[in-house]
């Protein structure tokens, strides 16, 4: 299987808290992959993107303060949003039907 859609970092960030890590405060990549295999992950994309289940939740900002394109980031960073097992409004596919499940190679076997 070749995945052509982007998966939702938001789904992993918000719904795998505890097993995968601490939301916006970091996490464990292996646990995140294991979670995708077991629970699946919906489609995702850029901030405010319309044709995906869960777009990125945080607006672009200038983290290092030396750019002119984006405005400043929140002083204390972003808080981890709560897990929502639904897609954004007007997205035509239900959350559970949008999910993809991963298979990852281990020792040259799937």
PDB file of N, CA and C in Angstrom:
ATOM      1  N   UNK A   1       0.844  -1.185   0.000  1.00  0.00           N
ATOM      2  CA  UNK A   1       0.000   0.000   0.000  1.00  0.00           C
ATOM      3  C   UNK A   1       0.884   1.240   0.000  1.00  0.00           C
ATOM      4  N   UNK A   2       0.533   2.197  -0.811  1.00  0.00           N
ATOM      5  CA  UNK A   2       1.225   3.478  -0.828  1.00  0.00           C
ATOM      6  C   UNK A   2       0.263   4.542  -0.336  1.00  0.00           C
ATOM      7  N   UNK A   3       0.656   5.255   0.696  1.00  0.00           N
ATOM      8  CA  UNK A   3      -0.184   6.312   1.250  1.00  0.00           C
ATOM      9  C   UNK A   3       0.064   7.597   0.480  1.00  0.00           C
ATOM     10  N   UNK A   4      -0.989   8.158  -0.093  1.00  0.00           N
ATOM     11  CA  UNK A   4      -0.853   9.390  -0.860  1.00  0.00           C
ATOM     12  C   UNK A   4      -1.349  10.602  -0.095  1.00  0.00           C
ATOM     13  N   UNK A   5      -2.133  10.390   0.961  1.00  0.00           N
ATOM     14  CA  UNK A   5      -2.627  11.496   1.768  1.00  0.00           C
ATOM     15  C   UNK A   5      -1.643  11.779   2.902  1.00  0.00           C
ATOM     16  N   UNK A   6      -1.737  12.963   3.451  1.00  0.00           N
ATOM     17  CA  UNK A   6      -0.961  13.285   4.649  1.00  0.00           C
ATOM     18  C   UNK A   6      -1.737  12.799   5.857  1.00  0.00           C
ATOM     19  N   UNK A   7      -1.031  12.254   6.831  1.00  0.00           N
ATOM     20  CA  UNK A   7      -1.708  11.847   8.058  1.00  0.00           C
ATOM     21  C   UNK A   7      -1.748  13.027   9.024  1.00  0.00           C
ATOM     22  N   UNK A   8      -2.668  12.970   9.956  1.00  0.00           N
ATOM     23  CA  UNK A   8      -2.895  14.084  10.868  1.00  0.00           C
ATOM     24  C   UNK A   8      -1.955  14.045  12.067  1.00  0.00           C
ATOM     25  N   UNK A   9      -1.023  14.979  12.108  1.00  0.00           N
ATOM     26  CA  UNK A   9      -0.191  15.123  13.300  1.00  0.00           C
ATOM     27  C   UNK A   9      -1.067  15.516  14.488  1.00  0.00           C
ATOM     28  N   UNK A  10      -2.153  16.223  14.217  1.00  0.00           N
ATOM     29  CA  UNK A  10      -3.078  16.648  15.268  1.00  0.00           C
ATOM     30  C   UNK A  10      -3.741  15.450  15.932  1.00  0.00           C
ATOM     31  N   UNK A  11      -4.140  14.461  15.143  1.00  0.00           N
ATOM     32  CA  UNK A  11      -4.764  13.260  15.696  1.00  0.00           C
ATOM     33  C   UNK A  11      -3.789  12.550  16.636  1.00  0.00           C
ATOM     34  N   UNK A  12      -2.537  12.430  16.228  1.00  0.00           N
ATOM     35  CA  UNK A  12      -1.522  11.778  17.056  1.00  0.00           C
ATOM     36  C   UNK A  12      -1.221  12.626  18.288  1.00  0.00           C
ATOM     37  N   UNK A  13      -1.007  13.915  18.090  1.00  0.00           N
ATOM     38  CA  UNK A  13      -0.664  14.842  19.175  1.00  0.00           C
ATOM     39  C   UNK A  13      -1.721  14.863  20.272  1.00  0.00           C
ATOM     40  N   UNK A  14      -2.996  14.855  19.882  1.00  0.00           N
ATOM     41  CA  UNK A  14      -4.064  15.040  20.862  1.00  0.00           C
ATOM     42  C   UNK A  14      -4.659  13.748  21.391  1.00  0.00           C
ATOM     43  N   UNK A  15      -4.699  12.702  20.585  1.00  0.00           N
ATOM     44  CA  UNK A  15      -5.392  11.475  20.994  1.00  0.00           C
ATOM     45  C   UNK A  15      -4.459  10.386  21.507  1.00  0.00           C
ATOM     46  N   UNK A  16      -3.186  10.549  21.354  1.00  0.00           N
ATOM     47  CA  UNK A  16      -2.229   9.545  21.834  1.00  0.00           C
ATOM     48  C   UNK A  16      -1.483  10.038  23.069  1.00  0.00           C
ATOM     49  N   UNK A  17      -2.003  11.055  23.716  1.00  0.00           N
ATOM     50  CA  UNK A  17      -1.368  11.594  24.928  1.00  0.00           C
ATOM     51  C   UNK A  17      -1.367  10.510  25.998  1.00  0.00           C
ATOM     52  N   UNK A  18      -0.273  10.389  26.706  1.00  0.00           N
ATOM     53  CA  UNK A  18      -0.145   9.357  27.730  1.00  0.00           C
ATOM     54  C   UNK A  18       0.690   8.209  27.212  1.00  0.00           C
ATOM     55  N   UNK A  19       0.236   7.553  26.142  1.00  0.00           N
ATOM     56  CA  UNK A  19       0.999   6.452  25.566  1.00  0.00           C
ATOM     57  C   UNK A  19       2.176   6.974  24.747  1.00  0.00           C
ATOM     58  N   UNK A  20       1.925   7.983  23.929  1.00  0.00           N
ATOM     59  CA  UNK A  20       2.953   8.494  23.017  1.00  0.00           C
ATOM     60  C   UNK A  20       3.809   9.589  23.631  1.00  0.00           C
ATOM     61  N   UNK A  21       3.312  10.234  24.660  1.00  0.00           N
ATOM     62  CA  UNK A  21       4.068  11.329  25.242  1.00  0.00           C
ATOM     63  C   UNK A  21       3.179  12.332  25.929  1.00  0.00           C
ATOM     64  N   UNK A  22       3.584  13.585  25.842  1.00  0.00           N
ATOM     65  CA  UNK A  22       2.927  14.664  26.581  1.00  0.00           C
ATOM     66  C   UNK A  22       2.386  15.746  25.661  1.00  0.00           C
ATOM     67  N   UNK A  23       1.759  15.367  24.571  1.00  0.00           N
ATOM     68  CA  UNK A  23       1.176  16.360  23.672  1.00  0.00           C
ATOM     69  C   UNK A  23       2.218  17.315  23.133  1.00  0.00           C
ATOM     70  N   UNK A  24       1.987  18.612  23.322  1.00  0.00           N
ATOM     71  CA  UNK A  24       2.896  19.643  22.813  1.00  0.00           C
ATOM     72  C   UNK A  24       4.244  19.659  23.532  1.00  0.00           C
ATOM     73  N   UNK A  25       4.372  18.902  24.594  1.00  0.00           N
ATOM     74  CA  UNK A  25       5.623  18.884  25.354  1.00  0.00           C
ATOM     75  C   UNK A  25       6.543  17.738  24.971  1.00  0.00           C
ATOM     76  N   UNK A  26       6.268  17.064  23.874  1.00  0.00           N
ATOM     77  CA  UNK A  26       7.177  16.031  23.395  1.00  0.00           C
ATOM     78  C   UNK A  26       6.590  14.641  23.500  1.00  0.00           C
ATOM     79  N   UNK A  27       7.285  13.686  22.888  1.00  0.00           N
ATOM     80  CA  UNK A  27       6.763  12.331  22.905  1.00  0.00           C
ATOM     81  C   UNK A  27       7.760  11.315  22.402  1.00  0.00           C
ATOM     82  N   UNK A  28       7.270  10.117  22.179  1.00  0.00           N
ATOM     83  CA  UNK A  28       8.078   8.967  21.806  1.00  0.00           C
ATOM     84  C   UNK A  28       7.658   8.507  20.408  1.00  0.00           C
ATOM     85  N   UNK A  29       8.561   8.573  19.452  1.00  0.00           N
ATOM     86  CA  UNK A  29       8.255   8.249  18.058  1.00  0.00           C
ATOM     87  C   UNK A  29       7.800   6.800  17.907  1.00  0.00           C
ATOM     88  N   UNK A  30       8.496   5.860  18.528  1.00  0.00           N
ATOM     89  CA  UNK A  30       8.116   4.446  18.411  1.00  0.00           C
ATOM     90  C   UNK A  30       6.705   4.220  18.930  1.00  0.00           C
ATOM     91  N   UNK A  31       6.375   4.813  20.069  1.00  0.00           N
ATOM     92  CA  UNK A  31       5.023   4.664  20.622  1.00  0.00           C
ATOM     93  C   UNK A  31       3.980   5.273  19.686  1.00  0.00           C
ATOM     94  N   UNK A  32       4.324   6.385  19.039  1.00  0.00           N
ATOM     95  CA  UNK A  32       3.400   7.001  18.083  1.00  0.00           C
ATOM     96  C   UNK A  32       3.155   6.067  16.899  1.00  0.00           C
ATOM     97  N   UNK A  33       4.209   5.450  16.360  1.00  0.00           N
ATOM     98  CA  UNK A  33       4.029   4.500  15.263  1.00  0.00           C
ATOM     99  C   UNK A  33       3.193   3.306  15.709  1.00  0.00           C
ATOM    100  N   UNK A  34       3.458   2.791  16.909  1.00  0.00           N
ATOM    101  CA  UNK A  34       2.660   1.677  17.430  1.00  0.00           C
ATOM    102  C   UNK A  34       1.189   2.070  17.553  1.00  0.00           C
ATOM    103  N   UNK A  35       0.936   3.297  17.982  1.00  0.00           N
ATOM    104  CA  UNK A  35      -0.439   3.788  18.128  1.00  0.00           C
ATOM    105  C   UNK A  35      -1.137   3.863  16.767  1.00  0.00           C
ATOM    106  N   UNK A  36      -0.415   4.323  15.741  1.00  0.00           N
ATOM    107  CA  UNK A  36      -0.979   4.397  14.391  1.00  0.00           C
ATOM    108  C   UNK A  36      -1.355   3.003  13.896  1.00  0.00           C
ATOM    109  N   UNK A  37      -0.498   2.028  14.141  1.00  0.00           N
ATOM    110  CA  UNK A  37      -0.775   0.654  13.723  1.00  0.00           C
ATOM    111  C   UNK A  37      -2.028   0.133  14.420  1.00  0.00           C
ATOM    112  N   UNK A  38      -2.137   0.377  15.714  1.00  0.00           N
ATOM    113  CA  UNK A  38      -3.241  -0.168  16.508  1.00  0.00           C
ATOM    114  C   UNK A  38      -4.553   0.602  16.342  1.00  0.00           C
ATOM    115  N   UNK A  39      -4.484   1.930  16.353  1.00  0.00           N
ATOM    116  CA  UNK A  39      -5.697   2.754  16.377  1.00  0.00           C
ATOM    117  C   UNK A  39      -6.011   3.452  15.058  1.00  0.00           C
ATOM    118  N   UNK A  40      -5.028   3.575  14.180  1.00  0.00           N
ATOM    119  CA  UNK A  40      -5.215   4.314  12.940  1.00  0.00           C
ATOM    120  C   UNK A  40      -5.101   5.808  13.165  1.00  0.00           C
ATOM    121  N   UNK A  41      -4.962   6.534  12.078  1.00  0.00           N
ATOM    122  CA  UNK A  41      -4.849   7.993  12.137  1.00  0.00           C
ATOM    123  C   UNK A  41      -5.586   8.566  10.927  1.00  0.00           C
ATOM    124  N   UNK A  42      -6.274   9.673  11.143  1.00  0.00           N
ATOM    125  CA  UNK A  42      -7.040  10.289  10.054  1.00  0.00           C
ATOM    126  C   UNK A  42      -6.131  11.175   9.196  1.00  0.00           C
ATOM    127  N   UNK A  43      -6.704  11.701   8.123  1.00  0.00           N
ATOM    128  CA  UNK A  43      -5.948  12.591   7.249  1.00  0.00           C
ATOM    129  C   UNK A  43      -5.772  13.959   7.900  1.00  0.00           C
ATOM    130  N   UNK A  44      -4.702  14.627   7.522  1.00  0.00           N
ATOM    131  CA  UNK A  44      -4.407  15.941   8.080  1.00  0.00           C
ATOM    132  C   UNK A  44      -3.707  16.812   7.064  1.00  0.00           C
ATOM    133  N   UNK A  45      -3.466  18.050   7.456  1.00  0.00           N
ATOM    134  CA  UNK A  45      -2.813  18.977   6.548  1.00  0.00           C
ATOM    135  C   UNK A  45      -2.448  20.264   7.249  1.00  0.00           C
ATOM    136  N   UNK A  46      -2.184  21.286   6.457  1.00  0.00           N
ATOM    137  CA  UNK A  46      -1.761  22.586   6.977  1.00  0.00           C
ATOM    138  C   UNK A  46      -2.876  23.271   7.772  1.00  0.00           C
ATOM    139  N   UNK A  47      -2.518  24.288   8.504  1.00  0.00           N
ATOM    140  CA  UNK A  47      -3.457  25.100   9.275  1.00  0.00           C
ATOM    141  C   UNK A  47      -4.601  25.574   8.374  1.00  0.00           C
ATOM    142  N   UNK A  48      -5.814  25.335   8.792  1.00  0.00           N
ATOM    143  CA  UNK A  48      -7.056  25.727   8.097  1.00  0.00           C
ATOM    144  C   UNK A  48      -7.276  25.040   6.747  1.00  0.00           C
ATOM    145  N   UNK A  49      -6.514  24.000   6.437  1.00  0.00           N
ATOM    146  CA  UNK A  49      -6.736  23.285   5.181  1.00  0.00           C
ATOM    147  C   UNK A  49      -8.127  22.647   5.204  1.00  0.00           C
ATOM    148  N   UNK A  50      -8.830  22.692   4.084  1.00  0.00           N
ATOM    149  CA  UNK A  50     -10.232  22.277   4.031  1.00  0.00           C
ATOM    150  C   UNK A  50     -10.457  20.817   3.654  1.00  0.00           C
ATOM    151  N   UNK A  51      -9.637  20.237   2.804  1.00  0.00           N
ATOM    152  CA  UNK A  51      -9.942  18.914   2.257  1.00  0.00           C
ATOM    153  C   UNK A  51      -9.296  17.765   3.027  1.00  0.00           C
ATOM    154  N   UNK A  52      -9.172  17.916   4.346  1.00  0.00           N
ATOM    155  CA  UNK A  52      -8.634  16.874   5.217  1.00  0.00           C
ATOM    156  C   UNK A  52      -9.523  16.768   6.455  1.00  0.00           C
ATOM    157  N   UNK A  53      -9.411  15.657   7.161  1.00  0.00           N
ATOM    158  CA  UNK A  53     -10.218  15.461   8.365  1.00  0.00           C
ATOM    159  C   UNK A  53      -9.807  16.417   9.490  1.00  0.00           C
ATOM    160  N   UNK A  54      -8.521  16.425   9.831  1.00  0.00           N
ATOM    161  CA  UNK A  54      -8.034  17.278  10.928  1.00  0.00           C
ATOM    162  C   UNK A  54      -6.813  18.073  10.482  1.00  0.00           C
ATOM    163  N   UNK A  55      -6.990  19.336  10.133  1.00  0.00           N
ATOM    164  CA  UNK A  55      -5.827  20.164   9.784  1.00  0.00           C
ATOM    165  C   UNK A  55      -5.021  20.520  11.034  1.00  0.00           C
ATOM    166  N   UNK A  56      -3.823  21.009  10.812  1.00  0.00           N
ATOM    167  CA  UNK A  56      -2.954  21.435  11.911  1.00  0.00           C
ATOM    168  C   UNK A  56      -3.668  22.521  12.719  1.00  0.00           C
ATOM    169  N   UNK A  57      -3.688  22.434  14.054  1.00  0.00           N
ATOM    170  CA  UNK A  57      -4.511  23.351  14.853  1.00  0.00           C
ATOM    171  C   UNK A  57      -3.885  24.703  15.181  1.00  0.00           C
ATOM    172  N   UNK A  58      -2.594  24.866  14.939  1.00  0.00           N
ATOM    173  CA  UNK A  58      -1.912  26.082  15.381  1.00  0.00           C
ATOM    174  C   UNK A  58      -1.567  26.990  14.205  1.00  0.00           C
ATOM    175  N   UNK A  59      -1.834  28.269  14.367  1.00  0.00           N
ATOM    176  CA  UNK A  59      -1.527  29.218  13.303  1.00  0.00           C
ATOM    177  C   UNK A  59      -0.007  29.355  13.151  1.00  0.00           C
ATOM    178  N   UNK A  60       0.474  29.631  11.938  1.00  0.00           N
ATOM    179  CA  UNK A  60       1.910  29.834  11.741  1.00  0.00           C
ATOM    180  C   UNK A  60       2.370  31.062  12.524  1.00  0.00           C
ATOM    181  N   UNK A  61       3.523  30.949  13.144  1.00  0.00           N
ATOM    182  CA  UNK A  61       4.045  32.091  13.894  1.00  0.00           C
ATOM    183  C   UNK A  61       5.566  32.105  13.815  1.00  0.00           C
ATOM    184  N   UNK A  62       6.140  33.212  14.195  1.00  0.00           N
ATOM    185  CA  UNK A  62       7.574  33.433  14.113  1.00  0.00           C
ATOM    186  C   UNK A  62       8.221  33.060  15.444  1.00  0.00           C
ATOM    187  N   UNK A  63       8.588  31.798  15.578  1.00  0.00           N
ATOM    188  CA  UNK A  63       9.115  31.260  16.832  1.00  0.00           C
ATOM    189  C   UNK A  63      10.380  31.965  17.311  1.00  0.00           C
ATOM    190  N   UNK A  64      11.262  32.319  16.407  1.00  0.00           N
ATOM    191  CA  UNK A  64      12.554  32.882  16.810  1.00  0.00           C
ATOM    192  C   UNK A  64      12.580  34.407  16.825  1.00  0.00           C
ATOM    193  N   UNK A  65      11.493  35.031  16.449  1.00  0.00           N
ATOM    194  CA  UNK A  65      11.374  36.479  16.575  1.00  0.00           C
ATOM    195  C   UNK A  65      12.160  37.318  15.595  1.00  0.00           C
ATOM    196  N   UNK A  66      12.801  36.703  14.593  1.00  0.00           N
ATOM    197  CA  UNK A  66      13.614  37.497  13.674  1.00  0.00           C
ATOM    198  C   UNK A  66      13.057  37.512  12.250  1.00  0.00           C
ATOM    199  N   UNK A  67      11.817  37.098  12.078  1.00  0.00           N
ATOM    200  CA  UNK A  67      11.215  37.095  10.748  1.00  0.00           C
ATOM    201  C   UNK A  67      10.158  38.175  10.629  1.00  0.00           C
ATOM    202  N   UNK A  68       9.735  38.415   9.413  1.00  0.00           N
ATOM    203  CA  UNK A  68       8.729  39.453   9.199  1.00  0.00           C
ATOM    204  C   UNK A  68       7.443  38.902   8.599  1.00  0.00           C
ATOM    205  N   UNK A  69       7.435  37.650   8.155  1.00  0.00           N
ATOM    206  CA  UNK A  69       6.275  37.098   7.466  1.00  0.00           C
ATOM    207  C   UNK A  69       5.141  36.745   8.426  1.00  0.00           C
ATOM    208  N   UNK A  70       5.454  36.047   9.508  1.00  0.00           N
ATOM    209  CA  UNK A  70       4.448  35.634  10.482  1.00  0.00           C
ATOM    210  C   UNK A  70       4.513  36.519  11.713  1.00  0.00           C
ATOM    211  N   UNK A  71       3.406  36.589  12.411  1.00  0.00           N
ATOM    212  CA  UNK A  71       3.379  37.306  13.678  1.00  0.00           C
ATOM    213  C   UNK A  71       4.053  36.494  14.773  1.00  0.00           C
ATOM    214  N   UNK A  72       4.113  37.031  15.972  1.00  0.00           N
ATOM    215  CA  UNK A  72       4.777  36.326  17.067  1.00  0.00           C
ATOM    216  C   UNK A  72       3.975  35.112  17.537  1.00  0.00           C
ATOM    217  N   UNK A  73       4.686  34.159  18.109  1.00  0.00           N
ATOM    218  CA  UNK A  73       4.056  32.992  18.725  1.00  0.00           C
ATOM    219  C   UNK A  73       3.579  33.361  20.127  1.00  0.00           C
ATOM    220  N   UNK A  74       2.664  32.580  20.691  1.00  0.00           N
ATOM    221  CA  UNK A  74       2.255  32.835  22.070  1.00  0.00           C
ATOM    222  C   UNK A  74       3.468  32.776  23.001  1.00  0.00           C
ATOM    223  N   UNK A  75       3.498  33.630  23.981  1.00  0.00           N
ATOM    224  CA  UNK A  75       4.650  33.729  24.880  1.00  0.00           C
ATOM    225  C   UNK A  75       4.990  32.400  25.551  1.00  0.00           C
ATOM    226  N   UNK A  76       3.988  31.644  25.934  1.00  0.00           N
ATOM    227  CA  UNK A  76       4.228  30.378  26.636  1.00  0.00           C
ATOM    228  C   UNK A  76       3.935  29.166  25.758  1.00  0.00           C
ATOM    229  N   UNK A  77       3.981  29.338  24.464  1.00  0.00           N
ATOM    230  CA  UNK A  77       3.728  28.239  23.544  1.00  0.00           C
ATOM    231  C   UNK A  77       2.248  27.920  23.427  1.00  0.00           C
ATOM    232  N   UNK A  78       1.951  26.894  22.677  1.00  0.00           N
ATOM    233  CA  UNK A  78       0.567  26.462  22.481  1.00  0.00           C
ATOM    234  C   UNK A  78       0.231  25.362  23.479  1.00  0.00           C
ATOM    235  N   UNK A  79      -0.996  25.328  23.927  1.00  0.00           N
ATOM    236  CA  UNK A  79      -1.471  24.235  24.776  1.00  0.00           C
ATOM    237  C   UNK A  79      -1.950  23.099  23.884  1.00  0.00           C
ATOM    238  N   UNK A  80      -1.818  21.877  24.368  1.00  0.00           N
ATOM    239  CA  UNK A  80      -2.290  20.725  23.610  1.00  0.00           C
ATOM    240  C   UNK A  80      -3.815  20.740  23.554  1.00  0.00           C
ATOM    241  N   UNK A  81      -4.385  20.739  22.347  1.00  0.00           N
ATOM    242  CA  UNK A  81      -5.849  20.671  22.245  1.00  0.00           C
ATOM    243  C   UNK A  81      -6.349  19.322  22.773  1.00  0.00           C
ATOM    244  N   UNK A  82      -7.634  19.248  23.104  1.00  0.00           N
ATOM    245  CA  UNK A  82      -8.153  17.964  23.566  1.00  0.00           C
ATOM    246  C   UNK A  82      -8.467  17.090  22.355  1.00  0.00           C
ATOM    247  N   UNK A  83      -8.451  15.794  22.574  1.00  0.00           N
ATOM    248  CA  UNK A  83      -8.725  14.826  21.511  1.00  0.00           C
ATOM    249  C   UNK A  83     -10.189  14.922  21.092  1.00  0.00           C
ATOM    250  N   UNK A  84     -10.406  15.040  19.797  1.00  0.00           N
ATOM    251  CA  UNK A  84     -11.762  15.025  19.233  1.00  0.00           C
ATOM    252  C   UNK A  84     -11.798  13.935  18.166  1.00  0.00           C
ATOM    253  N   UNK A  85     -12.685  13.011  18.345  1.00  0.00           N
ATOM    254  CA  UNK A  85     -12.799  11.907  17.398  1.00  0.00           C
ATOM    255  C   UNK A  85     -13.849  12.225  16.328  1.00  0.00           C
ATOM    256  N   UNK A  86     -13.701  13.399  15.753  1.00  0.00           N
ATOM    257  CA  UNK A  86     -14.556  13.854  14.658  1.00  0.00           C
ATOM    258  C   UNK A  86     -13.688  14.630  13.672  1.00  0.00           C
ATOM    259  N   UNK A  87     -14.154  14.706  12.447  1.00  0.00           N
ATOM    260  CA  UNK A  87     -13.474  15.527  11.446  1.00  0.00           C
ATOM    261  C   UNK A  87     -14.022  16.946  11.507  1.00  0.00           C
ATOM    262  N   UNK A  88     -13.299  17.872  10.880  1.00  0.00           N
ATOM    263  CA  UNK A  88     -13.755  19.263  10.848  1.00  0.00           C
ATOM    264  C   UNK A  88     -15.092  19.374  10.110  1.00  0.00           C
ATOM    265  N   UNK A  89     -15.818  20.436  10.408  1.00  0.00           N
ATOM    266  CA  UNK A  89     -17.113  20.677   9.775  1.00  0.00           C
ATOM    267  C   UNK A  89     -16.989  20.685   8.254  1.00  0.00           C
ATOM    268  N   UNK A  90     -17.979  20.156   7.613  1.00  0.00           N
ATOM    269  CA  UNK A  90     -18.094  20.110   6.151  1.00  0.00           C
ATOM    270  C   UNK A  90     -17.130  19.122   5.480  1.00  0.00           C
ATOM    271  N   UNK A  91     -16.326  18.408   6.257  1.00  0.00           N
ATOM    272  CA  UNK A  91     -15.512  17.354   5.653  1.00  0.00           C
ATOM    273  C   UNK A  91     -16.446  16.163   5.439  1.00  0.00           C
ATOM    274  N   UNK A  92     -16.522  15.611   4.226  1.00  0.00           N
ATOM    275  CA  UNK A  92     -17.584  14.652   3.910  1.00  0.00           C
ATOM    276  C   UNK A  92     -17.405  13.228   4.452  1.00  0.00           C
ATOM    277  N   UNK A  93     -16.247  12.890   4.970  1.00  0.00           N
ATOM    278  CA  UNK A  93     -15.990  11.518   5.408  1.00  0.00           C
ATOM    279  C   UNK A  93     -16.020  11.451   6.937  1.00  0.00           C
ATOM    280  N   UNK A  94     -16.755  10.505   7.518  1.00  0.00           N
ATOM    281  CA  UNK A  94     -16.744  10.358   8.976  1.00  0.00           C
ATOM    282  C   UNK A  94     -15.349   9.980   9.488  1.00  0.00           C
ATOM    283  N   UNK A  95     -15.038  10.411  10.689  1.00  0.00           N
ATOM    284  CA  UNK A  95     -13.718  10.207  11.303  1.00  0.00           C
ATOM    285  C   UNK A  95     -13.250   8.754  11.201  1.00  0.00           C
ATOM    286  N   UNK A  96     -14.059   7.806  11.653  1.00  0.00           N
ATOM    287  CA  UNK A  96     -13.634   6.398  11.654  1.00  0.00           C
ATOM    288  C   UNK A  96     -13.380   5.880  10.241  1.00  0.00           C
ATOM    289  N   UNK A  97     -14.115   6.366   9.264  1.00  0.00           N
ATOM    290  CA  UNK A  97     -13.926   5.932   7.874  1.00  0.00           C
ATOM    291  C   UNK A  97     -12.728   6.599   7.211  1.00  0.00           C
ATOM    292  N   UNK A  98     -12.252   7.685   7.769  1.00  0.00           N
ATOM    293  CA  UNK A  98     -11.131   8.436   7.204  1.00  0.00           C
ATOM    294  C   UNK A  98      -9.783   7.867   7.648  1.00  0.00           C
ATOM    295  N   UNK A  99      -9.791   7.077   8.697  1.00  0.00           N
ATOM    296  CA  UNK A  99      -8.538   6.608   9.295  1.00  0.00           C
ATOM    297  C   UNK A  99      -7.801   5.600   8.418  1.00  0.00           C
ATOM    298  N   UNK A 100      -6.483   5.689   8.466  1.00  0.00           N
ATOM    299  CA  UNK A 100      -5.614   4.700   7.833  1.00  0.00           C
ATOM    300  C   UNK A 100      -4.819   4.032   8.945  1.00  0.00           C
ATOM    301  N   UNK A 101      -4.465   2.797   8.711  1.00  0.00           N
ATOM    302  CA  UNK A 101      -3.717   2.025   9.697  1.00  0.00           C
ATOM    303  C   UNK A 101      -2.371   1.693   9.102  1.00  0.00           C
ATOM    304  N   UNK A 102      -1.341   1.764   9.910  1.00  0.00           N
ATOM    305  CA  UNK A 102       0.004   1.595   9.395  1.00  0.00           C
ATOM    306  C   UNK A 102       0.529   0.189   9.499  1.00  0.00           C
ATOM    307  N   UNK A 103       1.389  -0.132   8.581  1.00  0.00           N
ATOM    308  CA  UNK A 103       2.227  -1.322   8.649  1.00  0.00           C
ATOM    309  C   UNK A 103       3.642  -0.824   8.430  1.00  0.00           C
ATOM    310  N   UNK A 104       4.523  -1.170   9.327  1.00  0.00           N
ATOM    311  CA  UNK A 104       5.892  -0.698   9.228  1.00  0.00           C
ATOM    312  C   UNK A 104       6.825  -1.882   9.111  1.00  0.00           C
ATOM    313  N   UNK A 105       7.839  -1.721   8.293  1.00  0.00           N
ATOM    314  CA  UNK A 105       8.789  -2.805   8.083  1.00  0.00           C
ATOM    315  C   UNK A 105       9.659  -2.989   9.315  1.00  0.00           C
ATOM    316  N   UNK A 106       9.862  -4.238   9.670  1.00  0.00           N
ATOM    317  CA  UNK A 106      10.756  -4.589  10.768  1.00  0.00           C
ATOM    318  C   UNK A 106      11.578  -5.774  10.283  1.00  0.00           C
ATOM    319  N   UNK A 107      12.859  -5.626  10.238  1.00  0.00           N
ATOM    320  CA  UNK A 107      13.745  -6.689   9.760  1.00  0.00           C
ATOM    321  C   UNK A 107      13.335  -7.183   8.371  1.00  0.00           C
ATOM    322  N   UNK A 108      13.006  -6.244   7.475  1.00  0.00           N
ATOM    323  CA  UNK A 108      12.631  -6.534   6.092  1.00  0.00           C
ATOM    324  C   UNK A 108      11.315  -7.289   5.942  1.00  0.00           C
ATOM    325  N   UNK A 109      10.458  -7.292   6.956  1.00  0.00           N
ATOM    326  CA  UNK A 109       9.142  -7.929   6.874  1.00  0.00           C
ATOM    327  C   UNK A 109       8.071  -6.918   7.243  1.00  0.00           C
ATOM    328  N   UNK A 110       6.917  -7.051   6.593  1.00  0.00           N
ATOM    329  CA  UNK A 110       5.789  -6.179   6.940  1.00  0.00           C
ATOM    330  C   UNK A 110       4.845  -6.956   7.825  1.00  0.00           C
TER     331      UNK A 110
END
